[in-house]
């Protein structure tokens, strides 16, 4: 998502992303599909197609990205232990306040 955000509204091909990020294309396409279904990406077919953000980078939080792909980082811990509660609160706060724009600017 950071690489797509850095493309500044231009469509980025899945093949290019897979090569740049060093991941299998089929695995990446599954992630891209989930992000598109969550309304975070737009897709366009054809020679000039690819993927781009559906929203402005400052409108997409890391929490939204992780929720879209079902990351275990966004799941609530089953244990009722103060350290886990504190960890969850802290992680949720960071993920919910940091956006793609923040990461692109770093």
C-alpha atoms as a PDB file:
ATOM      1  CA  UNK A   1       0.000   0.000   0.000  1.00  0.00           C
ATOM      2  CA  UNK A   2       2.897   2.363   0.699  1.00  0.00           C
ATOM      3  CA  UNK A   3       4.345   1.706  -2.762  1.00  0.00           C
ATOM      4  CA  UNK A   4       0.957   2.377  -4.344  1.00  0.00           C
ATOM      5  CA  UNK A   5       0.524   5.534  -2.265  1.00  0.00           C
ATOM      6  CA  UNK A   6       3.973   6.714  -3.349  1.00  0.00           C
ATOM      7  CA  UNK A   7       2.884   6.397  -7.010  1.00  0.00           C
ATOM      8  CA  UNK A   8       0.857   9.582  -6.462  1.00  0.00           C
ATOM      9  CA  UNK A   9      -2.398   8.490  -8.109  1.00  0.00           C
ATOM     10  CA  UNK A  10      -0.839   6.610 -11.012  1.00  0.00           C
ATOM     11  CA  UNK A  11      -1.829   3.003 -11.629  1.00  0.00           C
ATOM     12  CA  UNK A  12       0.774   0.466 -10.505  1.00  0.00           C
ATOM     13  CA  UNK A  13       0.876  -2.986 -12.065  1.00  0.00           C
ATOM     14  CA  UNK A  14       0.722  -6.022  -9.787  1.00  0.00           C
ATOM     15  CA  UNK A  15       3.724  -7.563 -11.572  1.00  0.00           C
ATOM     16  CA  UNK A  16       5.826  -4.482 -10.819  1.00  0.00           C
ATOM     17  CA  UNK A  17       4.733  -4.506  -7.176  1.00  0.00           C
ATOM     18  CA  UNK A  18       5.533  -8.199  -6.822  1.00  0.00           C
ATOM     19  CA  UNK A  19       9.008  -7.665  -8.275  1.00  0.00           C
ATOM     20  CA  UNK A  20       9.695  -4.581  -6.167  1.00  0.00           C
ATOM     21  CA  UNK A  21       8.437  -6.152  -2.946  1.00  0.00           C
ATOM     22  CA  UNK A  22       9.972  -9.573  -3.660  1.00  0.00           C
ATOM     23  CA  UNK A  23       6.793 -11.573  -3.231  1.00  0.00           C
ATOM     24  CA  UNK A  24       4.991 -14.143  -5.367  1.00  0.00           C
ATOM     25  CA  UNK A  25       2.545 -12.526  -7.790  1.00  0.00           C
ATOM     26  CA  UNK A  26      -0.355 -14.855  -6.900  1.00  0.00           C
ATOM     27  CA  UNK A  27       0.041 -14.080  -3.179  1.00  0.00           C
ATOM     28  CA  UNK A  28       0.109 -10.346  -3.885  1.00  0.00           C
ATOM     29  CA  UNK A  29      -2.938 -10.542  -6.150  1.00  0.00           C
ATOM     30  CA  UNK A  30      -4.923 -12.115  -3.303  1.00  0.00           C
ATOM     31  CA  UNK A  31      -3.956  -9.233  -1.016  1.00  0.00           C
ATOM     32  CA  UNK A  32      -4.775  -6.652  -3.687  1.00  0.00           C
ATOM     33  CA  UNK A  33      -8.193  -8.250  -4.196  1.00  0.00           C
ATOM     34  CA  UNK A  34      -8.938  -7.996  -0.466  1.00  0.00           C
ATOM     35  CA  UNK A  35      -7.847  -4.344  -0.412  1.00  0.00           C
ATOM     36  CA  UNK A  36     -10.023  -3.592  -3.450  1.00  0.00           C
ATOM     37  CA  UNK A  37     -13.032  -5.337  -1.901  1.00  0.00           C
ATOM     38  CA  UNK A  38     -12.531  -3.233   1.234  1.00  0.00           C
ATOM     39  CA  UNK A  39     -12.731  -0.077  -0.886  1.00  0.00           C
ATOM     40  CA  UNK A  40      -9.105   0.922  -0.360  1.00  0.00           C
ATOM     41  CA  UNK A  41      -7.920   0.300  -3.936  1.00  0.00           C
ATOM     42  CA  UNK A  42      -9.228   0.948  -7.422  1.00  0.00           C
ATOM     43  CA  UNK A  43      -8.324  -1.469 -10.199  1.00  0.00           C
ATOM     44  CA  UNK A  44      -8.216  -0.931 -13.938  1.00  0.00           C
ATOM     45  CA  UNK A  45      -7.591  -3.578 -16.562  1.00  0.00           C
ATOM     46  CA  UNK A  46      -5.602  -3.153 -19.720  1.00  0.00           C
ATOM     47  CA  UNK A  47      -2.232  -1.872 -20.841  1.00  0.00           C
ATOM     48  CA  UNK A  48      -2.384   1.287 -18.728  1.00  0.00           C
ATOM     49  CA  UNK A  49      -4.148  -0.426 -15.852  1.00  0.00           C
ATOM     50  CA  UNK A  50      -3.129  -1.609 -12.441  1.00  0.00           C
ATOM     51  CA  UNK A  51      -3.979  -0.524  -8.925  1.00  0.00           C
ATOM     52  CA  UNK A  52      -4.194   2.863  -7.238  1.00  0.00           C
ATOM     53  CA  UNK A  53      -5.575   4.146  -3.975  1.00  0.00           C
ATOM     54  CA  UNK A  54      -9.345   4.629  -3.862  1.00  0.00           C
ATOM     55  CA  UNK A  55      -8.928   7.301  -1.174  1.00  0.00           C
ATOM     56  CA  UNK A  56      -6.337   9.937  -0.395  1.00  0.00           C
ATOM     57  CA  UNK A  57      -3.275   8.518   1.411  1.00  0.00           C
ATOM     58  CA  UNK A  58      -4.049  10.624   4.475  1.00  0.00           C
ATOM     59  CA  UNK A  59      -7.520   9.043   4.666  1.00  0.00           C
ATOM     60  CA  UNK A  60      -6.260   5.445   4.879  1.00  0.00           C
ATOM     61  CA  UNK A  61      -5.057   4.334   8.296  1.00  0.00           C
ATOM     62  CA  UNK A  62      -2.806   1.372   8.887  1.00  0.00           C
ATOM     63  CA  UNK A  63      -5.615  -0.123  10.918  1.00  0.00           C
ATOM     64  CA  UNK A  64      -7.906  -0.019   7.867  1.00  0.00           C
ATOM     65  CA  UNK A  65      -5.266  -1.778   5.748  1.00  0.00           C
ATOM     66  CA  UNK A  66      -4.689  -4.491   8.347  1.00  0.00           C
ATOM     67  CA  UNK A  67      -8.430  -4.964   8.860  1.00  0.00           C
ATOM     68  CA  UNK A  68      -8.912  -5.376   5.106  1.00  0.00           C
ATOM     69  CA  UNK A  69      -6.432  -8.238   4.898  1.00  0.00           C
ATOM     70  CA  UNK A  70      -7.476  -9.868   8.174  1.00  0.00           C
ATOM     71  CA  UNK A  71      -4.182  -9.309   9.960  1.00  0.00           C
ATOM     72  CA  UNK A  72      -3.894 -10.970  13.362  1.00  0.00           C
ATOM     73  CA  UNK A  73      -2.527  -7.657  14.673  1.00  0.00           C
ATOM     74  CA  UNK A  74      -6.068  -6.294  14.609  1.00  0.00           C
ATOM     75  CA  UNK A  75      -7.667  -9.207  16.454  1.00  0.00           C
ATOM     76  CA  UNK A  76      -8.675  -8.807  20.069  1.00  0.00           C
ATOM     77  CA  UNK A  77      -6.712 -10.963  22.469  1.00  0.00           C
ATOM     78  CA  UNK A  78      -8.822 -13.575  24.239  1.00  0.00           C
ATOM     79  CA  UNK A  79      -6.888 -13.298  27.499  1.00  0.00           C
ATOM     80  CA  UNK A  80      -8.032 -10.861  30.119  1.00  0.00           C
ATOM     81  CA  UNK A  81      -4.602  -9.755  31.254  1.00  0.00           C
ATOM     82  CA  UNK A  82      -3.671  -6.137  31.843  1.00  0.00           C
ATOM     83  CA  UNK A  83      -0.436  -6.377  29.814  1.00  0.00           C
ATOM     84  CA  UNK A  84      -2.339  -7.674  26.778  1.00  0.00           C
ATOM     85  CA  UNK A  85      -5.058  -5.068  27.217  1.00  0.00           C
ATOM     86  CA  UNK A  86      -2.427  -2.338  27.405  1.00  0.00           C
ATOM     87  CA  UNK A  87      -0.606  -3.712  24.360  1.00  0.00           C
ATOM     88  CA  UNK A  88      -3.833  -3.866  22.368  1.00  0.00           C
ATOM     89  CA  UNK A  89      -4.788  -0.316  23.345  1.00  0.00           C
ATOM     90  CA  UNK A  90      -1.365   1.025  22.396  1.00  0.00           C
ATOM     91  CA  UNK A  91      -1.207  -0.862  19.082  1.00  0.00           C
ATOM     92  CA  UNK A  92      -4.756   0.145  18.165  1.00  0.00           C
ATOM     93  CA  UNK A  93      -3.964   3.776  18.892  1.00  0.00           C
ATOM     94  CA  UNK A  94      -0.858   3.777  16.704  1.00  0.00           C
ATOM     95  CA  UNK A  95      -2.442   1.830  13.849  1.00  0.00           C
ATOM     96  CA  UNK A  96      -5.587   3.934  13.961  1.00  0.00           C
ATOM     97  CA  UNK A  97      -3.755   7.254  13.879  1.00  0.00           C
ATOM     98  CA  UNK A  98      -0.957   6.545  11.389  1.00  0.00           C
ATOM     99  CA  UNK A  99      -1.858   6.859   7.698  1.00  0.00           C
ATOM    100  CA  UNK A 100      -0.277   5.868   4.405  1.00  0.00           C
ATOM    101  CA  UNK A 101       0.651   9.513   3.908  1.00  0.00           C
ATOM    102  CA  UNK A 102       2.648   9.353   7.129  1.00  0.00           C
ATOM    103  CA  UNK A 103       4.588   6.336   5.875  1.00  0.00           C
ATOM    104  CA  UNK A 104       5.195   7.802   2.405  1.00  0.00           C
ATOM    105  CA  UNK A 105       6.639  10.958   3.953  1.00  0.00           C
ATOM    106  CA  UNK A 106       9.123   8.968   6.055  1.00  0.00           C
END
